[in-house]
């Protein structure tokens, strides 16, 4: 890995459920994406089954503040939950 600043690691294709991705120096961050599984969640007071995927972000705190890292994860979550937002840029 040379010349990169960010890595996306998709362990989900191998069945990974959760991990803490290790930063590849000198990169600033790495996003780990994991296996999608059906899980019970509460929607409008009812238990329903939804596809769920865990995301994990490791980053260099000397470069990236925790607030911005969380905002990035929220943005990724929103885009994955509703891809039309990405396509329509809303």
PDB file of N, CA and C in Angstrom:
ATOM      1  N   UNK A   1       0.837  -1.181   0.000  1.00  0.00           N
ATOM      2  CA  UNK A   1       0.000   0.000   0.000  1.00  0.00           C
ATOM      3  C   UNK A   1       0.880   1.242   0.000  1.00  0.00           C
ATOM      4  N   UNK A   2       0.902   1.930  -1.121  1.00  0.00           N
ATOM      5  CA  UNK A   2       1.677   3.159  -1.172  1.00  0.00           C
ATOM      6  C   UNK A   2       0.843   4.277  -1.776  1.00  0.00           C
ATOM      7  N   UNK A   3       1.048   5.478  -1.268  1.00  0.00           N
ATOM      8  CA  UNK A   3       0.372   6.642  -1.811  1.00  0.00           C
ATOM      9  C   UNK A   3      -1.061   6.825  -1.357  1.00  0.00           C
ATOM     10  N   UNK A   4      -1.571   5.936  -0.528  1.00  0.00           N
ATOM     11  CA  UNK A   4      -2.958   6.046  -0.079  1.00  0.00           C
ATOM     12  C   UNK A   4      -3.078   6.865   1.190  1.00  0.00           C
ATOM     13  N   UNK A   5      -4.283   7.391   1.433  1.00  0.00           N
ATOM     14  CA  UNK A   5      -4.553   8.121   2.671  1.00  0.00           C
ATOM     15  C   UNK A   5      -5.674   7.482   3.482  1.00  0.00           C
ATOM     16  N   UNK A   6      -6.415   6.545   2.850  1.00  0.00           N
ATOM     17  CA  UNK A   6      -7.591   5.945   3.487  1.00  0.00           C
ATOM     18  C   UNK A   6      -7.797   4.552   2.901  1.00  0.00           C
ATOM     19  N   UNK A   7      -8.149   3.583   3.754  1.00  0.00           N
ATOM     20  CA  UNK A   7      -8.410   2.218   3.308  1.00  0.00           C
ATOM     21  C   UNK A   7      -9.837   1.834   3.651  1.00  0.00           C
ATOM     22  N   UNK A   8     -10.479   1.088   2.749  1.00  0.00           N
ATOM     23  CA  UNK A   8     -11.761   0.450   3.044  1.00  0.00           C
ATOM     24  C   UNK A   8     -11.505  -1.046   3.037  1.00  0.00           C
ATOM     25  N   UNK A   9     -11.781  -1.695   4.154  1.00  0.00           N
ATOM     26  CA  UNK A   9     -11.567  -3.127   4.300  1.00  0.00           C
ATOM     27  C   UNK A   9     -12.922  -3.816   4.423  1.00  0.00           C
ATOM     28  N   UNK A  10     -13.216  -4.722   3.491  1.00  0.00           N
ATOM     29  CA  UNK A  10     -14.516  -5.397   3.475  1.00  0.00           C
ATOM     30  C   UNK A  10     -14.361  -6.842   3.931  1.00  0.00           C
ATOM     31  N   UNK A  11     -14.269  -7.031   5.240  1.00  0.00           N
ATOM     32  CA  UNK A  11     -14.183  -8.376   5.791  1.00  0.00           C
ATOM     33  C   UNK A  11     -15.502  -9.118   5.750  1.00  0.00           C
ATOM     34  N   UNK A  12     -16.582  -8.401   5.467  1.00  0.00           N
ATOM     35  CA  UNK A  12     -17.902  -9.019   5.415  1.00  0.00           C
ATOM     36  C   UNK A  12     -18.011 -10.103   4.364  1.00  0.00           C
ATOM     37  N   UNK A  13     -17.256  -9.978   3.274  1.00  0.00           N
ATOM     38  CA  UNK A  13     -17.316 -11.007   2.230  1.00  0.00           C
ATOM     39  C   UNK A  13     -16.762 -12.333   2.732  1.00  0.00           C
ATOM     40  N   UNK A  14     -15.992 -12.299   3.832  1.00  0.00           N
ATOM     41  CA  UNK A  14     -15.452 -13.519   4.433  1.00  0.00           C
ATOM     42  C   UNK A  14     -16.219 -13.922   5.686  1.00  0.00           C
ATOM     43  N   UNK A  15     -17.319 -13.218   5.985  1.00  0.00           N
ATOM     44  CA  UNK A  15     -18.136 -13.551   7.140  1.00  0.00           C
ATOM     45  C   UNK A  15     -17.778 -12.807   8.410  1.00  0.00           C
ATOM     46  N   UNK A  16     -16.873 -11.841   8.337  1.00  0.00           N
ATOM     47  CA  UNK A  16     -16.472 -11.076   9.516  1.00  0.00           C
ATOM     48  C   UNK A  16     -17.675 -10.353  10.113  1.00  0.00           C
ATOM     49  N   UNK A  17     -17.864 -10.498  11.411  1.00  0.00           N
ATOM     50  CA  UNK A  17     -18.985  -9.848  12.086  1.00  0.00           C
ATOM     51  C   UNK A  17     -18.578  -8.536  12.748  1.00  0.00           C
ATOM     52  N   UNK A  18     -17.357  -8.464  13.255  1.00  0.00           N
ATOM     53  CA  UNK A  18     -16.913  -7.256  13.938  1.00  0.00           C
ATOM     54  C   UNK A  18     -15.408  -7.346  14.143  1.00  0.00           C
ATOM     55  N   UNK A  19     -14.729  -6.247  13.964  1.00  0.00           N
ATOM     56  CA  UNK A  19     -13.294  -6.188  14.223  1.00  0.00           C
ATOM     57  C   UNK A  19     -12.898  -4.735  14.405  1.00  0.00           C
ATOM     58  N   UNK A  20     -11.679  -4.537  14.824  1.00  0.00           N
ATOM     59  CA  UNK A  20     -11.107  -3.202  14.887  1.00  0.00           C
ATOM     60  C   UNK A  20     -10.006  -3.148  13.844  1.00  0.00           C
ATOM     61  N   UNK A  21     -10.252  -2.467  12.724  1.00  0.00           N
ATOM     62  CA  UNK A  21      -9.232  -2.431  11.684  1.00  0.00           C
ATOM     63  C   UNK A  21      -7.979  -1.690  12.159  1.00  0.00           C
ATOM     64  N   UNK A  22      -6.829  -2.169  11.719  1.00  0.00           N
ATOM     65  CA  UNK A  22      -5.555  -1.576  12.114  1.00  0.00           C
ATOM     66  C   UNK A  22      -5.097  -0.609  11.030  1.00  0.00           C
ATOM     67  N   UNK A  23      -4.744   0.575  11.465  1.00  0.00           N
ATOM     68  CA  UNK A  23      -4.304   1.639  10.571  1.00  0.00           C
ATOM     69  C   UNK A  23      -3.036   1.234   9.819  1.00  0.00           C
ATOM     70  N   UNK A  24      -2.987   1.566   8.529  1.00  0.00           N
ATOM     71  CA  UNK A  24      -1.816   1.304   7.697  1.00  0.00           C
ATOM     72  C   UNK A  24      -1.012   2.599   7.563  1.00  0.00           C
ATOM     73  N   UNK A  25       0.038   2.792   8.386  1.00  0.00           N
ATOM     74  CA  UNK A  25       0.810   4.030   8.288  1.00  0.00           C
ATOM     75  C   UNK A  25       1.380   4.197   6.876  1.00  0.00           C
ATOM     76  N   UNK A  26       1.421   5.397   6.335  1.00  0.00           N
ATOM     77  CA  UNK A  26       1.106   6.690   6.952  1.00  0.00           C
ATOM     78  C   UNK A  26      -0.335   7.130   6.714  1.00  0.00           C
ATOM     79  N   UNK A  27      -1.237   6.202   6.419  1.00  0.00           N
ATOM     80  CA  UNK A  27      -2.625   6.572   6.142  1.00  0.00           C
ATOM     81  C   UNK A  27      -3.284   7.183   7.375  1.00  0.00           C
ATOM     82  N   UNK A  28      -4.358   7.943   7.128  1.00  0.00           N
ATOM     83  CA  UNK A  28      -5.020   8.653   8.223  1.00  0.00           C
ATOM     84  C   UNK A  28      -6.168   7.857   8.838  1.00  0.00           C
ATOM     85  N   UNK A  29      -6.762   6.906   8.063  1.00  0.00           N
ATOM     86  CA  UNK A  29      -7.913   6.166   8.599  1.00  0.00           C
ATOM     87  C   UNK A  29      -8.159   4.894   7.796  1.00  0.00           C
ATOM     88  N   UNK A  30      -8.925   3.984   8.411  1.00  0.00           N
ATOM     89  CA  UNK A  30      -9.357   2.757   7.752  1.00  0.00           C
ATOM     90  C   UNK A  30     -10.784   2.452   8.199  1.00  0.00           C
ATOM     91  N   UNK A  31     -11.645   2.136   7.232  1.00  0.00           N
ATOM     92  CA  UNK A  31     -13.043   1.791   7.505  1.00  0.00           C
ATOM     93  C   UNK A  31     -13.211   0.292   7.315  1.00  0.00           C
ATOM     94  N   UNK A  32     -13.669  -0.388   8.350  1.00  0.00           N
ATOM     95  CA  UNK A  32     -13.963  -1.817   8.269  1.00  0.00           C
ATOM     96  C   UNK A  32     -15.451  -2.026   8.074  1.00  0.00           C
ATOM     97  N   UNK A  33     -15.798  -2.780   7.036  1.00  0.00           N
ATOM     98  CA  UNK A  33     -17.201  -3.099   6.754  1.00  0.00           C
ATOM     99  C   UNK A  33     -17.372  -4.599   6.975  1.00  0.00           C
ATOM    100  N   UNK A  34     -18.470  -4.982   7.605  1.00  0.00           N
ATOM    101  CA  UNK A  34     -18.626  -6.364   8.030  1.00  0.00           C
ATOM    102  C   UNK A  34     -19.852  -7.023   7.406  1.00  0.00           C
ATOM    103  N   UNK A  35     -20.060  -8.273   7.753  1.00  0.00           N
ATOM    104  CA  UNK A  35     -21.123  -9.105   7.199  1.00  0.00           C
ATOM    105  C   UNK A  35     -22.512  -8.512   7.477  1.00  0.00           C
ATOM    106  N   UNK A  36     -23.382  -8.578   6.477  1.00  0.00           N
ATOM    107  CA  UNK A  36     -24.770  -8.138   6.655  1.00  0.00           C
ATOM    108  C   UNK A  36     -25.585  -9.326   7.145  1.00  0.00           C
ATOM    109  N   UNK A  37     -26.295  -9.144   8.259  1.00  0.00           N
ATOM    110  CA  UNK A  37     -27.145 -10.198   8.811  1.00  0.00           C
ATOM    111  C   UNK A  37     -28.502  -9.622   9.187  1.00  0.00           C
ATOM    112  N   UNK A  38     -29.511 -10.477   9.140  1.00  0.00           N
ATOM    113  CA  UNK A  38     -30.851 -10.088   9.571  1.00  0.00           C
ATOM    114  C   UNK A  38     -30.860 -10.016  11.099  1.00  0.00           C
ATOM    115  N   UNK A  39     -31.314  -8.872  11.639  1.00  0.00           N
ATOM    116  CA  UNK A  39     -31.346  -8.684  13.090  1.00  0.00           C
ATOM    117  C   UNK A  39     -32.663  -8.022  13.494  1.00  0.00           C
ATOM    118  N   UNK A  40     -33.130  -8.330  14.709  1.00  0.00           N
ATOM    119  CA  UNK A  40     -34.345  -7.661  15.189  1.00  0.00           C
ATOM    120  C   UNK A  40     -34.022  -6.231  15.630  1.00  0.00           C
ATOM    121  N   UNK A  41     -34.872  -5.303  15.209  1.00  0.00           N
ATOM    122  CA  UNK A  41     -34.753  -3.904  15.628  1.00  0.00           C
ATOM    123  C   UNK A  41     -36.151  -3.375  15.923  1.00  0.00           C
ATOM    124  N   UNK A  42     -36.230  -2.312  16.687  1.00  0.00           N
ATOM    125  CA  UNK A  42     -37.519  -1.705  17.008  1.00  0.00           C
ATOM    126  C   UNK A  42     -37.765  -0.541  16.049  1.00  0.00           C
ATOM    127  N   UNK A  43     -38.896  -0.591  15.343  1.00  0.00           N
ATOM    128  CA  UNK A  43     -39.316   0.471  14.431  1.00  0.00           C
ATOM    129  C   UNK A  43     -40.748   0.838  14.794  1.00  0.00           C
ATOM    130  N   UNK A  44     -40.961   2.092  15.185  1.00  0.00           N
ATOM    131  CA  UNK A  44     -42.293   2.558  15.580  1.00  0.00           C
ATOM    132  C   UNK A  44     -42.917   1.665  16.652  1.00  0.00           C
ATOM    133  N   UNK A  45     -42.114   1.267  17.642  1.00  0.00           N
ATOM    134  CA  UNK A  45     -42.608   0.466  18.752  1.00  0.00           C
ATOM    135  C   UNK A  45     -42.817  -1.008  18.445  1.00  0.00           C
ATOM    136  N   UNK A  46     -42.485  -1.444  17.245  1.00  0.00           N
ATOM    137  CA  UNK A  46     -42.644  -2.848  16.846  1.00  0.00           C
ATOM    138  C   UNK A  46     -41.278  -3.469  16.568  1.00  0.00           C
ATOM    139  N   UNK A  47     -41.146  -4.749  16.888  1.00  0.00           N
ATOM    140  CA  UNK A  47     -39.916  -5.468  16.565  1.00  0.00           C
ATOM    141  C   UNK A  47     -40.030  -5.991  15.138  1.00  0.00           C
ATOM    142  N   UNK A  48     -39.072  -5.593  14.305  1.00  0.00           N
ATOM    143  CA  UNK A  48     -39.039  -6.028  12.906  1.00  0.00           C
ATOM    144  C   UNK A  48     -37.633  -6.536  12.595  1.00  0.00           C
ATOM    145  N   UNK A  49     -37.529  -7.328  11.548  1.00  0.00           N
ATOM    146  CA  UNK A  49     -36.238  -7.853  11.118  1.00  0.00           C
ATOM    147  C   UNK A  49     -35.709  -6.964   9.994  1.00  0.00           C
ATOM    148  N   UNK A  50     -34.458  -6.536  10.138  1.00  0.00           N
ATOM    149  CA  UNK A  50     -33.830  -5.668   9.146  1.00  0.00           C
ATOM    150  C   UNK A  50     -32.401  -6.160   8.869  1.00  0.00           C
ATOM    151  N   UNK A  51     -31.912  -5.924   7.662  1.00  0.00           N
ATOM    152  CA  UNK A  51     -30.501  -6.236   7.402  1.00  0.00           C
ATOM    153  C   UNK A  51     -29.614  -5.224   8.131  1.00  0.00           C
ATOM    154  N   UNK A  52     -28.627  -5.714   8.853  1.00  0.00           N
ATOM    155  CA  UNK A  52     -27.744  -4.843   9.633  1.00  0.00           C
ATOM    156  C   UNK A  52     -26.292  -5.187   9.319  1.00  0.00           C
ATOM    157  N   UNK A  53     -25.454  -4.160   9.279  1.00  0.00           N
ATOM    158  CA  UNK A  53     -24.021  -4.340   9.070  1.00  0.00           C
ATOM    159  C   UNK A  53     -23.283  -3.430  10.045  1.00  0.00           C
ATOM    160  N   UNK A  54     -22.279  -3.983  10.713  1.00  0.00           N
ATOM    161  CA  UNK A  54     -21.445  -3.169  11.589  1.00  0.00           C
ATOM    162  C   UNK A  54     -20.346  -2.503  10.777  1.00  0.00           C
ATOM    163  N   UNK A  55     -20.057  -1.259  11.130  1.00  0.00           N
ATOM    164  CA  UNK A  55     -18.948  -0.509  10.561  1.00  0.00           C
ATOM    165  C   UNK A  55     -17.979  -0.190  11.688  1.00  0.00           C
ATOM    166  N   UNK A  56     -16.696  -0.169  11.374  1.00  0.00           N
ATOM    167  CA  UNK A  56     -15.686   0.206  12.362  1.00  0.00           C
ATOM    168  C   UNK A  56     -14.697   1.155  11.702  1.00  0.00           C
ATOM    169  N   UNK A  57     -14.405   2.252  12.372  1.00  0.00           N
ATOM    170  CA  UNK A  57     -13.470   3.235  11.839  1.00  0.00           C
ATOM    171  C   UNK A  57     -12.315   3.412  12.813  1.00  0.00           C
ATOM    172  N   UNK A  58     -11.111   3.171  12.320  1.00  0.00           N
ATOM    173  CA  UNK A  58      -9.905   3.475  13.092  1.00  0.00           C
ATOM    174  C   UNK A  58      -9.229   4.654  12.411  1.00  0.00           C
ATOM    175  N   UNK A  59      -8.732   5.585  13.198  1.00  0.00           N
ATOM    176  CA  UNK A  59      -8.139   6.781  12.598  1.00  0.00           C
ATOM    177  C   UNK A  59      -7.061   7.353  13.510  1.00  0.00           C
ATOM    178  N   UNK A  60      -6.209   8.162  12.925  1.00  0.00           N
ATOM    179  CA  UNK A  60      -5.107   8.795  13.634  1.00  0.00           C
ATOM    180  C   UNK A  60      -5.625  10.068  14.308  1.00  0.00           C
ATOM    181  N   UNK A  61      -5.688  10.047  15.631  1.00  0.00           N
ATOM    182  CA  UNK A  61      -6.223  11.193  16.379  1.00  0.00           C
ATOM    183  C   UNK A  61      -5.334  12.429  16.269  1.00  0.00           C
ATOM    184  N   UNK A  62      -4.126  12.261  15.786  1.00  0.00           N
ATOM    185  CA  UNK A  62      -3.274  13.434  15.571  1.00  0.00           C
ATOM    186  C   UNK A  62      -3.742  14.229  14.363  1.00  0.00           C
ATOM    187  N   UNK A  63      -4.503  13.566  13.471  1.00  0.00           N
ATOM    188  CA  UNK A  63      -4.956  14.190  12.227  1.00  0.00           C
ATOM    189  C   UNK A  63      -6.461  14.446  12.244  1.00  0.00           C
ATOM    190  N   UNK A  64      -7.220  13.503  12.800  1.00  0.00           N
ATOM    191  CA  UNK A  64      -8.685  13.530  12.732  1.00  0.00           C
ATOM    192  C   UNK A  64      -9.267  13.634  14.140  1.00  0.00           C
ATOM    193  N   UNK A  65     -10.168  14.580  14.338  1.00  0.00           N
ATOM    194  CA  UNK A  65     -10.860  14.742  15.612  1.00  0.00           C
ATOM    195  C   UNK A  65     -12.016  13.747  15.690  1.00  0.00           C
ATOM    196  N   UNK A  66     -12.318  13.280  16.889  1.00  0.00           N
ATOM    197  CA  UNK A  66     -13.391  12.308  17.079  1.00  0.00           C
ATOM    198  C   UNK A  66     -14.736  12.777  16.555  1.00  0.00           C
ATOM    199  N   UNK A  67     -15.020  14.052  16.698  1.00  0.00           N
ATOM    200  CA  UNK A  67     -16.307  14.590  16.224  1.00  0.00           C
ATOM    201  C   UNK A  67     -16.456  14.391  14.719  1.00  0.00           C
ATOM    202  N   UNK A  68     -15.418  14.738  13.965  1.00  0.00           N
ATOM    203  CA  UNK A  68     -15.470  14.581  12.513  1.00  0.00           C
ATOM    204  C   UNK A  68     -15.544  13.110  12.118  1.00  0.00           C
ATOM    205  N   UNK A  69     -14.878  12.252  12.867  1.00  0.00           N
ATOM    206  CA  UNK A  69     -14.926  10.818  12.580  1.00  0.00           C
ATOM    207  C   UNK A  69     -16.345  10.277  12.752  1.00  0.00           C
ATOM    208  N   UNK A  70     -17.016  10.688  13.822  1.00  0.00           N
ATOM    209  CA  UNK A  70     -18.397  10.243  14.054  1.00  0.00           C
ATOM    210  C   UNK A  70     -19.322  10.801  12.977  1.00  0.00           C
ATOM    211  N   UNK A  71     -19.138  12.061  12.609  1.00  0.00           N
ATOM    212  CA  UNK A  71     -19.959  12.644  11.544  1.00  0.00           C
ATOM    213  C   UNK A  71     -19.762  11.887  10.231  1.00  0.00           C
ATOM    214  N   UNK A  72     -18.540  11.461   9.946  1.00  0.00           N
ATOM    215  CA  UNK A  72     -18.259  10.670   8.753  1.00  0.00           C
ATOM    216  C   UNK A  72     -19.019   9.346   8.802  1.00  0.00           C
ATOM    217  N   UNK A  73     -18.970   8.656   9.950  1.00  0.00           N
ATOM    218  CA  UNK A  73     -19.688   7.382  10.087  1.00  0.00           C
ATOM    219  C   UNK A  73     -21.193   7.564   9.943  1.00  0.00           C
ATOM    220  N   UNK A  74     -21.736   8.628  10.495  1.00  0.00           N
ATOM    221  CA  UNK A  74     -23.173   8.904  10.360  1.00  0.00           C
ATOM    222  C   UNK A  74     -23.521   9.132   8.893  1.00  0.00           C
ATOM    223  N   UNK A  75     -22.669   9.848   8.171  1.00  0.00           N
ATOM    224  CA  UNK A  75     -22.904  10.075   6.741  1.00  0.00           C
ATOM    225  C   UNK A  75     -22.883   8.760   5.973  1.00  0.00           C
ATOM    226  N   UNK A  76     -21.903   7.904   6.251  1.00  0.00           N
ATOM    227  CA  UNK A  76     -21.830   6.589   5.595  1.00  0.00           C
ATOM    228  C   UNK A  76     -23.087   5.784   5.905  1.00  0.00           C
ATOM    229  N   UNK A  77     -23.501   5.764   7.175  1.00  0.00           N
ATOM    230  CA  UNK A  77     -24.713   5.044   7.585  1.00  0.00           C
ATOM    231  C   UNK A  77     -25.923   5.541   6.808  1.00  0.00           C
ATOM    232  N   UNK A  78     -26.099   6.851   6.735  1.00  0.00           N
ATOM    233  CA  UNK A  78     -27.248   7.419   6.027  1.00  0.00           C
ATOM    234  C   UNK A  78     -27.233   7.058   4.550  1.00  0.00           C
ATOM    235  N   UNK A  79     -26.070   7.086   3.932  1.00  0.00           N
ATOM    236  CA  UNK A  79     -25.970   6.751   2.507  1.00  0.00           C
ATOM    237  C   UNK A  79     -26.275   5.274   2.261  1.00  0.00           C
ATOM    238  N   UNK A  80     -25.800   4.400   3.144  1.00  0.00           N
ATOM    239  CA  UNK A  80     -26.065   2.968   2.979  1.00  0.00           C
ATOM    240  C   UNK A  80     -27.535   2.633   3.229  1.00  0.00           C
ATOM    241  N   UNK A  81     -28.153   3.332   4.187  1.00  0.00           N
ATOM    242  CA  UNK A  81     -29.559   3.068   4.490  1.00  0.00           C
ATOM    243  C   UNK A  81     -30.493   3.593   3.405  1.00  0.00           C
ATOM    244  N   UNK A  82     -30.090   4.648   2.712  1.00  0.00           N
ATOM    245  CA  UNK A  82     -30.932   5.248   1.674  1.00  0.00           C
ATOM    246  C   UNK A  82     -30.052   5.720   0.516  1.00  0.00           C
ATOM    247  N   UNK A  83     -29.654   4.791  -0.374  1.00  0.00           N
ATOM    248  CA  UNK A  83     -28.727   5.143  -1.451  1.00  0.00           C
ATOM    249  C   UNK A  83     -29.266   6.193  -2.419  1.00  0.00           C
ATOM    250  N   UNK A  84     -30.582   6.394  -2.461  1.00  0.00           N
ATOM    251  CA  UNK A  84     -31.116   7.432  -3.350  1.00  0.00           C
ATOM    252  C   UNK A  84     -30.618   8.813  -2.934  1.00  0.00           C
ATOM    253  N   UNK A  85     -30.315   8.998  -1.644  1.00  0.00           N
ATOM    254  CA  UNK A  85     -29.758  10.276  -1.178  1.00  0.00           C
ATOM    255  C   UNK A  85     -28.426  10.553  -1.858  1.00  0.00           C
ATOM    256  N   UNK A  86     -27.629   9.503  -2.036  1.00  0.00           N
ATOM    257  CA  UNK A  86     -26.341   9.656  -2.698  1.00  0.00           C
ATOM    258  C   UNK A  86     -26.535   9.977  -4.174  1.00  0.00           C
ATOM    259  N   UNK A  87     -27.437   9.261  -4.809  1.00  0.00           N
ATOM    260  CA  UNK A  87     -27.684   9.468  -6.233  1.00  0.00           C
ATOM    261  C   UNK A  87     -28.267  10.846  -6.520  1.00  0.00           C
ATOM    262  N   UNK A  88     -29.145  11.317  -5.628  1.00  0.00           N
ATOM    263  CA  UNK A  88     -29.795  12.614  -5.818  1.00  0.00           C
ATOM    264  C   UNK A  88     -29.045  13.751  -5.136  1.00  0.00           C
ATOM    265  N   UNK A  89     -27.976  13.410  -4.417  1.00  0.00           N
ATOM    266  CA  UNK A  89     -27.151  14.374  -3.689  1.00  0.00           C
ATOM    267  C   UNK A  89     -27.978  15.233  -2.736  1.00  0.00           C
ATOM    268  N   UNK A  90     -28.819  14.553  -1.911  1.00  0.00           N
ATOM    269  CA  UNK A  90     -29.616  15.280  -0.915  1.00  0.00           C
ATOM    270  C   UNK A  90     -29.189  14.880   0.484  1.00  0.00           C
TER     271      UNK A  90
END
